[in-house]
Amino acid sequence: MARAILRFIRLSPTKARLIAREVQGMNAEYAIASLEFTPNKAAGIISKVIASAVANAGLEPENAIITSARVDRGPVLKRFTPRARGSASPRHKPTAHIMIIVEQVTKGDK
C-alpha cells in the first residue's frame, strides 16, 4: 500500500470529488487512460497524483489498483471584487487536498 497527497491545490473540492469517485476501485493504468480524455481540470491533476502514488509504491500501473481516492476541503482564499458606488463583493477561491491510495493487485483480484 502506498499513497500520494497533493495539498493546497487551487481546485474546487466539490468538482474534484466527482472525478475521484469515478476512479476509485479502478486499475491505475485504466484510470490514467480514462482521465486523459476527461475534459475537466480535476481530471489532469488527479491523473498526476495517481501516477505519483504508483511510483511511490514501486509498481507498474497495470499491477496497481486504486483503493481510495479522497478529496478534502482546504483553506479558502478570500478576495474582493470591486462593484458599483465604491462597494465590493466577496469572492471565495477554494482549495483542496487530494489523497490517492494504491495497492498491488493480487492473483485473485484479476
PDB file of N, CA and C in Angstrom:
ATOM      1  N   MET A   1       0.847  -1.182   0.000  1.00  0.00           N
ATOM      2  CA  MET A   1       0.000   0.000   0.000  1.00  0.00           C
ATOM      3  C   MET A   1       0.887   1.238   0.000  1.00  0.00           C
ATOM      4  N   ALA A   2       0.611   2.140  -0.905  1.00  0.00           N
ATOM      5  CA  ALA A   2       1.346   3.399  -0.983  1.00  0.00           C
ATOM      6  C   ALA A   2       0.348   4.511  -1.270  1.00  0.00           C
ATOM      7  N   ARG A   3       0.732   5.723  -0.924  1.00  0.00           N
ATOM      8  CA  ARG A   3      -0.168   6.842  -1.134  1.00  0.00           C
ATOM      9  C   ARG A   3       0.590   8.052  -1.655  1.00  0.00           C
ATOM     10  N   ALA A   4      -0.178   8.956  -2.215  1.00  0.00           N
ATOM     11  CA  ALA A   4       0.341  10.244  -2.664  1.00  0.00           C
ATOM     12  C   ALA A   4      -0.672  11.305  -2.259  1.00  0.00           C
ATOM     13  N   ILE A   5      -0.170  12.424  -1.751  1.00  0.00           N
ATOM     14  CA  ILE A   5      -1.032  13.510  -1.293  1.00  0.00           C
ATOM     15  C   ILE A   5      -0.616  14.799  -2.000  1.00  0.00           C
ATOM     16  N   LEU A   6      -1.592  15.483  -2.555  1.00  0.00           N
ATOM     17  CA  LEU A   6      -1.378  16.811  -3.131  1.00  0.00           C
ATOM     18  C   LEU A   6      -2.205  17.783  -2.307  1.00  0.00           C
ATOM     19  N   ARG A   7      -1.535  18.747  -1.698  1.00  0.00           N
ATOM     20  CA  ARG A   7      -2.234  19.649  -0.790  1.00  0.00           C
ATOM     21  C   ARG A   7      -2.262  21.070  -1.346  1.00  0.00           C
ATOM     22  N   PHE A   8      -3.280  21.803  -0.935  1.00  0.00           N
ATOM     23  CA  PHE A   8      -3.456  23.223  -1.256  1.00  0.00           C
ATOM     24  C   PHE A   8      -3.532  23.483  -2.759  1.00  0.00           C
ATOM     25  N   ILE A   9      -4.189  22.608  -3.496  1.00  0.00           N
ATOM     26  CA  ILE A   9      -4.342  22.806  -4.933  1.00  0.00           C
ATOM     27  C   ILE A   9      -5.546  23.714  -5.170  1.00  0.00           C
ATOM     28  N   ARG A  10      -5.406  24.681  -6.082  1.00  0.00           N
ATOM     29  CA  ARG A  10      -6.481  25.642  -6.357  1.00  0.00           C
ATOM     30  C   ARG A  10      -7.527  24.994  -7.250  1.00  0.00           C
ATOM     31  N   LEU A  11      -8.430  24.277  -6.595  1.00  0.00           N
ATOM     32  CA  LEU A  11      -9.429  23.488  -7.288  1.00  0.00           C
ATOM     33  C   LEU A  11     -10.608  23.318  -6.358  1.00  0.00           C
ATOM     34  N   SER A  12     -11.797  23.346  -6.886  1.00  0.00           N
ATOM     35  CA  SER A  12     -12.980  23.163  -6.056  1.00  0.00           C
ATOM     36  C   SER A  12     -13.076  21.701  -5.603  1.00  0.00           C
ATOM     37  N   PRO A  13     -13.136  21.448  -4.302  1.00  0.00           N
ATOM     38  CA  PRO A  13     -13.218  20.059  -3.847  1.00  0.00           C
ATOM     39  C   PRO A  13     -14.499  19.360  -4.278  1.00  0.00           C
ATOM     40  N   THR A  14     -15.585  20.107  -4.425  1.00  0.00           N
ATOM     41  CA  THR A  14     -16.842  19.508  -4.865  1.00  0.00           C
ATOM     42  C   THR A  14     -16.708  18.947  -6.280  1.00  0.00           C
ATOM     43  N   LYS A  15     -16.077  19.691  -7.172  1.00  0.00           N
ATOM     44  CA  LYS A  15     -15.905  19.244  -8.550  1.00  0.00           C
ATOM     45  C   LYS A  15     -14.872  18.118  -8.633  1.00  0.00           C
ATOM     46  N   ALA A  16     -13.842  18.180  -7.787  1.00  0.00           N
ATOM     47  CA  ALA A  16     -12.814  17.139  -7.806  1.00  0.00           C
ATOM     48  C   ALA A  16     -13.353  15.812  -7.269  1.00  0.00           C
ATOM     49  N   ARG A  17     -14.298  15.853  -6.341  1.00  0.00           N
ATOM     50  CA  ARG A  17     -14.868  14.618  -5.790  1.00  0.00           C
ATOM     51  C   ARG A  17     -15.617  13.822  -6.844  1.00  0.00           C
ATOM     52  N   LEU A  18     -16.235  14.500  -7.806  1.00  0.00           N
ATOM     53  CA  LEU A  18     -16.939  13.813  -8.881  1.00  0.00           C
ATOM     54  C   LEU A  18     -15.979  12.921  -9.674  1.00  0.00           C
ATOM     55  N   ILE A  19     -14.788  13.422  -9.934  1.00  0.00           N
ATOM     56  CA  ILE A  19     -13.789  12.660 -10.682  1.00  0.00           C
ATOM     57  C   ILE A  19     -13.185  11.573  -9.799  1.00  0.00           C
ATOM     58  N   ALA A  20     -12.939  11.889  -8.525  1.00  0.00           N
ATOM     59  CA  ALA A  20     -12.321  10.919  -7.611  1.00  0.00           C
ATOM     60  C   ALA A  20     -13.221   9.699  -7.408  1.00  0.00           C
ATOM     61  N   ARG A  21     -14.533   9.913  -7.361  1.00  0.00           N
ATOM     62  CA  ARG A  21     -15.459   8.787  -7.190  1.00  0.00           C
ATOM     63  C   ARG A  21     -15.452   7.866  -8.402  1.00  0.00           C
ATOM     64  N   GLU A  22     -15.213   8.420  -9.590  1.00  0.00           N
ATOM     65  CA  GLU A  22     -15.183   7.608 -10.803  1.00  0.00           C
ATOM     66  C   GLU A  22     -14.004   6.642 -10.821  1.00  0.00           C
ATOM     67  N   VAL A  23     -12.836   7.087 -10.338  1.00  0.00           N
ATOM     68  CA  VAL A  23     -11.630   6.262 -10.454  1.00  0.00           C
ATOM     69  C   VAL A  23     -11.418   5.328  -9.266  1.00  0.00           C
ATOM     70  N   GLN A  24     -12.138   5.519  -8.196  1.00  0.00           N
ATOM     71  CA  GLN A  24     -11.950   4.673  -7.021  1.00  0.00           C
ATOM     72  C   GLN A  24     -12.314   3.225  -7.348  1.00  0.00           C
ATOM     73  N   GLY A  25     -11.390   2.313  -7.043  1.00  0.00           N
ATOM     74  CA  GLY A  25     -11.601   0.897  -7.322  1.00  0.00           C
ATOM     75  C   GLY A  25     -11.114   0.462  -8.695  1.00  0.00           C
ATOM     76  N   MET A  26     -10.663   1.406  -9.531  1.00  0.00           N
ATOM     77  CA  MET A  26     -10.192   1.080 -10.882  1.00  0.00           C
ATOM     78  C   MET A  26      -8.743   0.619 -10.869  1.00  0.00           C
ATOM     79  N   ASN A  27      -8.358  -0.039 -11.940  1.00  0.00           N
ATOM     80  CA  ASN A  27      -6.958  -0.332 -12.212  1.00  0.00           C
ATOM     81  C   ASN A  27      -6.277   1.019 -12.503  1.00  0.00           C
ATOM     82  N   ALA A  28      -5.067   1.228 -12.012  1.00  0.00           N
ATOM     83  CA  ALA A  28      -4.400   2.519 -12.160  1.00  0.00           C
ATOM     84  C   ALA A  28      -4.127   2.863 -13.622  1.00  0.00           C
ATOM     85  N   GLU A  29      -3.734   1.882 -14.413  1.00  0.00           N
ATOM     86  CA  GLU A  29      -3.451   2.130 -15.829  1.00  0.00           C
ATOM     87  C   GLU A  29      -4.727   2.563 -16.560  1.00  0.00           C
ATOM     88  N   TYR A  30      -5.829   1.884 -16.286  1.00  0.00           N
ATOM     89  CA  TYR A  30      -7.108   2.213 -16.923  1.00  0.00           C
ATOM     90  C   TYR A  30      -7.604   3.580 -16.450  1.00  0.00           C
ATOM     91  N   ALA A  31      -7.402   3.901 -15.177  1.00  0.00           N
ATOM     92  CA  ALA A  31      -7.844   5.192 -14.641  1.00  0.00           C
ATOM     93  C   ALA A  31      -7.082   6.349 -15.276  1.00  0.00           C
ATOM     94  N   ILE A  32      -5.767   6.209 -15.418  1.00  0.00           N
ATOM     95  CA  ILE A  32      -4.958   7.271 -16.022  1.00  0.00           C
ATOM     96  C   ILE A  32      -5.365   7.463 -17.481  1.00  0.00           C
ATOM     97  N   ALA A  33      -5.617   6.358 -18.192  1.00  0.00           N
ATOM     98  CA  ALA A  33      -6.017   6.443 -19.601  1.00  0.00           C
ATOM     99  C   ALA A  33      -7.383   7.110 -19.752  1.00  0.00           C
ATOM    100  N   SER A  34      -8.315   6.788 -18.878  1.00  0.00           N
ATOM    101  CA  SER A  34      -9.648   7.382 -18.991  1.00  0.00           C
ATOM    102  C   SER A  34      -9.649   8.853 -18.575  1.00  0.00           C
ATOM    103  N   LEU A  35      -8.820   9.227 -17.610  1.00  0.00           N
ATOM    104  CA  LEU A  35      -8.756  10.629 -17.181  1.00  0.00           C
ATOM    105  C   LEU A  35      -8.104  11.521 -18.236  1.00  0.00           C
ATOM    106  N   GLU A  36      -7.292  10.926 -19.093  1.00  0.00           N
ATOM    107  CA  GLU A  36      -6.632  11.695 -20.140  1.00  0.00           C
ATOM    108  C   GLU A  36      -7.648  12.336 -21.090  1.00  0.00           C
ATOM    109  N   PHE A  37      -8.800  11.678 -21.275  1.00  0.00           N
ATOM    110  CA  PHE A  37      -9.814  12.175 -22.201  1.00  0.00           C
ATOM    111  C   PHE A  37     -10.999  12.820 -21.496  1.00  0.00           C
ATOM    112  N   THR A  38     -10.868  13.069 -20.201  1.00  0.00           N
ATOM    113  CA  THR A  38     -11.930  13.729 -19.450  1.00  0.00           C
ATOM    114  C   THR A  38     -11.681  15.234 -19.467  1.00  0.00           C
ATOM    115  N   PRO A  39     -12.615  16.030 -20.018  1.00  0.00           N
ATOM    116  CA  PRO A  39     -12.394  17.477 -20.138  1.00  0.00           C
ATOM    117  C   PRO A  39     -12.700  18.218 -18.841  1.00  0.00           C
ATOM    118  N   ASN A  40     -11.840  18.061 -17.863  1.00  0.00           N
ATOM    119  CA  ASN A  40     -12.059  18.653 -16.555  1.00  0.00           C
ATOM    120  C   ASN A  40     -10.697  18.995 -15.958  1.00  0.00           C
ATOM    121  N   LYS A  41     -10.589  20.112 -15.289  1.00  0.00           N
ATOM    122  CA  LYS A  41      -9.327  20.497 -14.673  1.00  0.00           C
ATOM    123  C   LYS A  41      -8.891  19.474 -13.639  1.00  0.00           C
ATOM    124  N   ALA A  42      -9.851  18.951 -12.876  1.00  0.00           N
ATOM    125  CA  ALA A  42      -9.539  17.988 -11.822  1.00  0.00           C
ATOM    126  C   ALA A  42      -9.009  16.684 -12.384  1.00  0.00           C
ATOM    127  N   ALA A  43      -9.419  16.305 -13.590  1.00  0.00           N
ATOM    128  CA  ALA A  43      -9.003  15.030 -14.174  1.00  0.00           C
ATOM    129  C   ALA A  43      -7.499  14.983 -14.401  1.00  0.00           C
ATOM    130  N   GLY A  44      -6.940  16.045 -14.934  1.00  0.00           N
ATOM    131  CA  GLY A  44      -5.495  16.082 -15.167  1.00  0.00           C
ATOM    132  C   GLY A  44      -4.700  16.057 -13.876  1.00  0.00           C
ATOM    133  N   ILE A  45      -5.188  16.752 -12.876  1.00  0.00           N
ATOM    134  CA  ILE A  45      -4.486  16.815 -11.596  1.00  0.00           C
ATOM    135  C   ILE A  45      -4.548  15.468 -10.883  1.00  0.00           C
ATOM    136  N   ILE A  46      -5.732  14.844 -10.852  1.00  0.00           N
ATOM    137  CA  ILE A  46      -5.884  13.548 -10.183  1.00  0.00           C
ATOM    138  C   ILE A  46      -5.080  12.479 -10.916  1.00  0.00           C
ATOM    139  N   SER A  47      -4.974  12.581 -12.233  1.00  0.00           N
ATOM    140  CA  SER A  47      -4.174  11.636 -13.011  1.00  0.00           C
ATOM    141  C   SER A  47      -2.712  11.674 -12.582  1.00  0.00           C
ATOM    142  N   LYS A  48      -2.192  12.871 -12.363  1.00  0.00           N
ATOM    143  CA  LYS A  48      -0.804  13.010 -11.925  1.00  0.00           C
ATOM    144  C   LYS A  48      -0.596  12.473 -10.509  1.00  0.00           C
ATOM    145  N   VAL A  49      -1.595  12.654  -9.641  1.00  0.00           N
ATOM    146  CA  VAL A  49      -1.484  12.140  -8.275  1.00  0.00           C
ATOM    147  C   VAL A  49      -1.519  10.611  -8.287  1.00  0.00           C
ATOM    148  N   ILE A  50      -2.326  10.016  -9.163  1.00  0.00           N
ATOM    149  CA  ILE A  50      -2.366   8.558  -9.293  1.00  0.00           C
ATOM    150  C   ILE A  50      -1.010   8.037  -9.761  1.00  0.00           C
ATOM    151  N   ALA A  51      -0.425   8.689 -10.756  1.00  0.00           N
ATOM    152  CA  ALA A  51       0.889   8.290 -11.260  1.00  0.00           C
ATOM    153  C   ALA A  51       1.946   8.396 -10.166  1.00  0.00           C
ATOM    154  N   SER A  52       1.842   9.413  -9.334  1.00  0.00           N
ATOM    155  CA  SER A  52       2.787   9.580  -8.225  1.00  0.00           C
ATOM    156  C   SER A  52       2.621   8.484  -7.183  1.00  0.00           C
ATOM    157  N   ALA A  53       1.376   8.112  -6.880  1.00  0.00           N
ATOM    158  CA  ALA A  53       1.135   7.051  -5.894  1.00  0.00           C
ATOM    159  C   ALA A  53       1.653   5.710  -6.397  1.00  0.00           C
ATOM    160  N   VAL A  54       1.487   5.445  -7.697  1.00  0.00           N
ATOM    161  CA  VAL A  54       2.000   4.199  -8.280  1.00  0.00           C
ATOM    162  C   VAL A  54       3.521   4.182  -8.222  1.00  0.00           C
ATOM    163  N   ALA A  55       4.156   5.316  -8.508  1.00  0.00           N
ATOM    164  CA  ALA A  55       5.615   5.408  -8.440  1.00  0.00           C
ATOM    165  C   ALA A  55       6.109   5.254  -7.005  1.00  0.00           C
ATOM    166  N   ASN A  56       5.362   5.819  -6.043  1.00  0.00           N
ATOM    167  CA  ASN A  56       5.738   5.674  -4.636  1.00  0.00           C
ATOM    168  C   ASN A  56       5.683   4.222  -4.192  1.00  0.00           C
ATOM    169  N   ALA A  57       4.754   3.453  -4.774  1.00  0.00           N
ATOM    170  CA  ALA A  57       4.621   2.033  -4.426  1.00  0.00           C
ATOM    171  C   ALA A  57       5.683   1.196  -5.114  1.00  0.00           C
ATOM    172  N   GLY A  58       6.311   1.726  -6.152  1.00  0.00           N
ATOM    173  CA  GLY A  58       7.307   0.971  -6.900  1.00  0.00           C
ATOM    174  C   GLY A  58       6.670  -0.094  -7.778  1.00  0.00           C
ATOM    175  N   LEU A  59       5.465   0.172  -8.263  1.00  0.00           N
ATOM    176  CA  LEU A  59       4.729  -0.786  -9.077  1.00  0.00           C
ATOM    177  C   LEU A  59       4.596  -0.282 -10.505  1.00  0.00           C
ATOM    178  N   GLU A  60       4.166  -1.181 -11.377  1.00  0.00           N
ATOM    179  CA  GLU A  60       3.753  -0.803 -12.722  1.00  0.00           C
ATOM    180  C   GLU A  60       2.275  -0.442 -12.658  1.00  0.00           C
ATOM    181  N   PRO A  61       1.804   0.495 -13.485  1.00  0.00           N
ATOM    182  CA  PRO A  61       0.383   0.896 -13.420  1.00  0.00           C
ATOM    183  C   PRO A  61      -0.597  -0.248 -13.651  1.00  0.00           C
ATOM    184  N   GLU A  62      -0.211  -1.243 -14.462  1.00  0.00           N
ATOM    185  CA  GLU A  62      -1.144  -2.349 -14.713  1.00  0.00           C
ATOM    186  C   GLU A  62      -1.255  -3.307 -13.526  1.00  0.00           C
ATOM    187  N   ASN A  63      -0.320  -3.203 -12.566  1.00  0.00           N
ATOM    188  CA  ASN A  63      -0.344  -4.070 -11.384  1.00  0.00           C
ATOM    189  C   ASN A  63      -0.869  -3.362 -10.141  1.00  0.00           C
ATOM    190  N   ALA A  64      -1.412  -2.159 -10.291  1.00  0.00           N
ATOM    191  CA  ALA A  64      -1.881  -1.379  -9.142  1.00  0.00           C
ATOM    192  C   ALA A  64      -3.374  -1.112  -9.262  1.00  0.00           C
ATOM    193  N   ILE A  65      -4.036  -1.097  -8.127  1.00  0.00           N
ATOM    194  CA  ILE A  65      -5.461  -0.786  -8.068  1.00  0.00           C
ATOM    195  C   ILE A  65      -5.657   0.368  -7.087  1.00  0.00           C
ATOM    196  N   ILE A  66      -6.543   1.294  -7.420  1.00  0.00           N
ATOM    197  CA  ILE A  66      -6.799   2.462  -6.567  1.00  0.00           C
ATOM    198  C   ILE A  66      -7.807   2.045  -5.501  1.00  0.00           C
ATOM    199  N   THR A  67      -7.354   1.924  -4.269  1.00  0.00           N
ATOM    200  CA  THR A  67      -8.253   1.509  -3.197  1.00  0.00           C
ATOM    201  C   THR A  67      -8.991   2.680  -2.581  1.00  0.00           C
ATOM    202  N   SER A  68      -8.373   3.862  -2.593  1.00  0.00           N
ATOM    203  CA  SER A  68      -9.022   5.028  -2.009  1.00  0.00           C
ATOM    204  C   SER A  68      -8.631   6.282  -2.784  1.00  0.00           C
ATOM    205  N   ALA A  69      -9.624   7.088  -3.116  1.00  0.00           N
ATOM    206  CA  ALA A  69      -9.400   8.383  -3.755  1.00  0.00           C
ATOM    207  C   ALA A  69     -10.219   9.395  -2.963  1.00  0.00           C
ATOM    208  N   ARG A  70      -9.536  10.217  -2.195  1.00  0.00           N
ATOM    209  CA  ARG A  70     -10.218  11.122  -1.275  1.00  0.00           C
ATOM    210  C   ARG A  70      -9.863  12.569  -1.597  1.00  0.00           C
ATOM    211  N   VAL A  71     -10.866  13.429  -1.574  1.00  0.00           N
ATOM    212  CA  VAL A  71     -10.655  14.866  -1.786  1.00  0.00           C
ATOM    213  C   VAL A  71     -11.220  15.593  -0.580  1.00  0.00           C
ATOM    214  N   ASP A  72     -10.352  16.259   0.153  1.00  0.00           N
ATOM    215  CA  ASP A  72     -10.759  17.020   1.332  1.00  0.00           C
ATOM    216  C   ASP A  72     -10.714  18.511   1.025  1.00  0.00           C
ATOM    217  N   ARG A  73     -11.459  19.255   1.811  1.00  0.00           N
ATOM    218  CA  ARG A  73     -11.505  20.703   1.647  1.00  0.00           C
ATOM    219  C   ARG A  73     -10.285  21.351   2.287  1.00  0.00           C
ATOM    220  N   GLY A  74      -9.673  22.285   1.580  1.00  0.00           N
ATOM    221  CA  GLY A  74      -8.556  23.040   2.118  1.00  0.00           C
ATOM    222  C   GLY A  74      -9.014  24.427   2.517  1.00  0.00           C
ATOM    223  N   PRO A  75      -8.095  25.301   2.867  1.00  0.00           N
ATOM    224  CA  PRO A  75      -8.477  26.666   3.227  1.00  0.00           C
ATOM    225  C   PRO A  75      -9.016  27.430   2.014  1.00  0.00           C
ATOM    226  N   VAL A  76      -9.870  28.404   2.285  1.00  0.00           N
ATOM    227  CA  VAL A  76     -10.477  29.204   1.224  1.00  0.00           C
ATOM    228  C   VAL A  76      -9.760  30.544   1.143  1.00  0.00           C
ATOM    229  N   LEU A  77      -9.318  30.903  -0.066  1.00  0.00           N
ATOM    230  CA  LEU A  77      -8.703  32.213  -0.275  1.00  0.00           C
ATOM    231  C   LEU A  77      -9.826  33.223  -0.459  1.00  0.00           C
ATOM    232  N   LYS A  78      -9.830  34.254   0.355  1.00  0.00           N
ATOM    233  CA  LYS A  78     -10.908  35.236   0.310  1.00  0.00           C
ATOM    234  C   LYS A  78     -10.406  36.507  -0.364  1.00  0.00           C
ATOM    235  N   ARG A  79     -11.074  36.873  -1.451  1.00  0.00           N
ATOM    236  CA  ARG A  79     -10.721  38.043  -2.234  1.00  0.00           C
ATOM    237  C   ARG A  79     -11.957  38.912  -2.405  1.00  0.00           C
ATOM    238  N   PHE A  80     -11.764  40.115  -2.932  1.00  0.00           N
ATOM    239  CA  PHE A  80     -12.882  41.024  -3.162  1.00  0.00           C
ATOM    240  C   PHE A  80     -12.882  41.512  -4.597  1.00  0.00           C
ATOM    241  N   THR A  81     -14.084  41.677  -5.151  1.00  0.00           N
ATOM    242  CA  THR A  81     -14.270  42.223  -6.487  1.00  0.00           C
ATOM    243  C   THR A  81     -14.929  43.594  -6.352  1.00  0.00           C
ATOM    244  N   PRO A  82     -14.365  44.615  -6.968  1.00  0.00           N
ATOM    245  CA  PRO A  82     -14.976  45.933  -6.879  1.00  0.00           C
ATOM    246  C   PRO A  82     -16.326  45.979  -7.592  1.00  0.00           C
ATOM    247  N   ARG A  83     -17.260  46.697  -6.995  1.00  0.00           N
ATOM    248  CA  ARG A  83     -18.608  46.832  -7.558  1.00  0.00           C
ATOM    249  C   ARG A  83     -18.962  48.312  -7.671  1.00  0.00           C
ATOM    250  N   ALA A  84     -20.183  48.581  -8.021  1.00  0.00           N
ATOM    251  CA  ALA A  84     -20.627  49.949  -8.252  1.00  0.00           C
ATOM    252  C   ALA A  84     -20.645  50.750  -6.949  1.00  0.00           C
ATOM    253  N   ARG A  85     -20.470  52.033  -7.080  1.00  0.00           N
ATOM    254  CA  ARG A  85     -20.531  53.002  -5.977  1.00  0.00           C
ATOM    255  C   ARG A  85     -19.537  52.724  -4.862  1.00  0.00           C
ATOM    256  N   GLY A  86     -18.384  52.208  -5.208  1.00  0.00           N
ATOM    257  CA  GLY A  86     -17.322  52.016  -4.220  1.00  0.00           C
ATOM    258  C   GLY A  86     -17.497  50.826  -3.310  1.00  0.00           C
ATOM    259  N   SER A  87     -18.474  49.976  -3.573  1.00  0.00           N
ATOM    260  CA  SER A  87     -18.651  48.794  -2.715  1.00  0.00           C
ATOM    261  C   SER A  87     -17.837  47.633  -3.278  1.00  0.00           C
ATOM    262  N   ALA A  88     -17.872  46.511  -2.578  1.00  0.00           N
ATOM    263  CA  ALA A  88     -17.118  45.332  -3.006  1.00  0.00           C
ATOM    264  C   ALA A  88     -17.915  44.080  -2.678  1.00  0.00           C
ATOM    265  N   SER A  89     -17.732  43.050  -3.494  1.00  0.00           N
ATOM    266  CA  SER A  89     -18.372  41.756  -3.257  1.00  0.00           C
ATOM    267  C   SER A  89     -17.293  40.722  -2.968  1.00  0.00           C
ATOM    268  N   PRO A  90     -17.548  39.839  -2.020  1.00  0.00           N
ATOM    269  CA  PRO A  90     -16.527  38.825  -1.711  1.00  0.00           C
ATOM    270  C   PRO A  90     -16.457  37.754  -2.796  1.00  0.00           C
ATOM    271  N   ARG A  91     -15.251  37.221  -3.003  1.00  0.00           N
ATOM    272  CA  ARG A  91     -15.038  36.073  -3.886  1.00  0.00           C
ATOM    273  C   ARG A  91     -14.305  35.034  -3.071  1.00  0.00           C
ATOM    274  N   HIS A  92     -14.773  33.823  -3.129  1.00  0.00           N
ATOM    275  CA  HIS A  92     -14.134  32.725  -2.401  1.00  0.00           C
ATOM    276  C   HIS A  92     -13.460  31.800  -3.398  1.00  0.00           C
ATOM    277  N   LYS A  93     -12.162  31.598  -3.211  1.00  0.00           N
ATOM    278  CA  LYS A  93     -11.398  30.720  -4.092  1.00  0.00           C
ATOM    279  C   LYS A  93     -11.019  29.484  -3.293  1.00  0.00           C
ATOM    280  N   PRO A  94     -11.722  28.372  -3.503  1.00  0.00           N
ATOM    281  CA  PRO A  94     -11.493  27.181  -2.679  1.00  0.00           C
ATOM    282  C   PRO A  94     -10.203  26.454  -3.054  1.00  0.00           C
ATOM    283  N   THR A  95      -9.655  25.735  -2.085  1.00  0.00           N
ATOM    284  CA  THR A  95      -8.517  24.852  -2.321  1.00  0.00           C
ATOM    285  C   THR A  95      -8.905  23.451  -1.862  1.00  0.00           C
ATOM    286  N   ALA A  96      -8.118  22.473  -2.289  1.00  0.00           N
ATOM    287  CA  ALA A  96      -8.437  21.087  -1.973  1.00  0.00           C
ATOM    288  C   ALA A  96      -7.165  20.319  -1.648  1.00  0.00           C
ATOM    289  N   HIS A  97      -7.331  19.221  -0.907  1.00  0.00           N
ATOM    290  CA  HIS A  97      -6.272  18.263  -0.629  1.00  0.00           C
ATOM    291  C   HIS A  97      -6.710  16.942  -1.256  1.00  0.00           C
ATOM    292  N   ILE A  98      -5.864  16.375  -2.116  1.00  0.00           N
ATOM    293  CA  ILE A  98      -6.200  15.133  -2.813  1.00  0.00           C
ATOM    294  C   ILE A  98      -5.288  14.030  -2.297  1.00  0.00           C
ATOM    295  N   MET A  99      -5.888  12.896  -1.881  1.00  0.00           N
ATOM    296  CA  MET A  99      -5.110  11.750  -1.410  1.00  0.00           C
ATOM    297  C   MET A  99      -5.536  10.501  -2.171  1.00  0.00           C
ATOM    298  N   ILE A 100      -4.563   9.825  -2.764  1.00  0.00           N
ATOM    299  CA  ILE A 100      -4.798   8.596  -3.517  1.00  0.00           C
ATOM    300  C   ILE A 100      -4.006   7.474  -2.858  1.00  0.00           C
ATOM    301  N   ILE A 101      -4.661   6.343  -2.599  1.00  0.00           N
ATOM    302  CA  ILE A 101      -4.002   5.157  -2.040  1.00  0.00           C
ATOM    303  C   ILE A 101      -4.113   4.036  -3.058  1.00  0.00           C
ATOM    304  N   VAL A 102      -2.971   3.415  -3.381  1.00  0.00           N
ATOM    305  CA  VAL A 102      -2.947   2.288  -4.319  1.00  0.00           C
ATOM    306  C   VAL A 102      -2.375   1.052  -3.628  1.00  0.00           C
ATOM    307  N   GLU A 103      -2.825  -0.092  -4.098  1.00  0.00           N
ATOM    308  CA  GLU A 103      -2.318  -1.377  -3.614  1.00  0.00           C
ATOM    309  C   GLU A 103      -1.994  -2.252  -4.805  1.00  0.00           C
ATOM    310  N   GLN A 104      -1.152  -3.252  -4.550  1.00  0.00           N
ATOM    311  CA  GLN A 104      -0.794  -4.189  -5.612  1.00  0.00           C
ATOM    312  C   GLN A 104      -1.937  -5.163  -5.847  1.00  0.00           C
ATOM    313  N   VAL A 105      -2.173  -5.481  -7.111  1.00  0.00           N
ATOM    314  CA  VAL A 105      -3.225  -6.435  -7.460  1.00  0.00           C
ATOM    315  C   VAL A 105      -2.719  -7.840  -7.145  1.00  0.00           C
ATOM    316  N   THR A 106      -3.529  -8.601  -6.403  1.00  0.00           N
ATOM    317  CA  THR A 106      -3.177  -9.980  -6.122  1.00  0.00           C
ATOM    318  C   THR A 106      -3.747 -10.877  -7.218  1.00  0.00           C
ATOM    319  N   LYS A 107      -3.352 -12.136  -7.227  1.00  0.00           N
ATOM    320  CA  LYS A 107      -3.783 -13.072  -8.279  1.00  0.00           C
ATOM    321  C   LYS A 107      -5.294 -13.224  -8.324  1.00  0.00           C
ATOM    322  N   GLY A 108      -5.958 -13.231  -7.167  1.00  0.00           N
ATOM    323  CA  GLY A 108      -7.414 -13.403  -7.114  1.00  0.00           C
ATOM    324  C   GLY A 108      -8.179 -12.197  -7.584  1.00  0.00           C
ATOM    325  N   ASP A 109      -7.571 -10.992  -7.576  1.00  0.00           N
ATOM    326  CA  ASP A 109      -8.279  -9.773  -7.961  1.00  0.00           C
ATOM    327  C   ASP A 109      -8.451  -9.635  -9.465  1.00  0.00           C
ATOM    328  N   LYS A 110      -7.546 -10.233 -10.238  1.00  0.00           N
ATOM    329  CA  LYS A 110      -7.634 -10.111 -11.703  1.00  0.00           C
ATOM    330  C   LYS A 110      -8.754 -10.952 -12.193  1.00  0.00           C
TER     331      LYS A 110
END
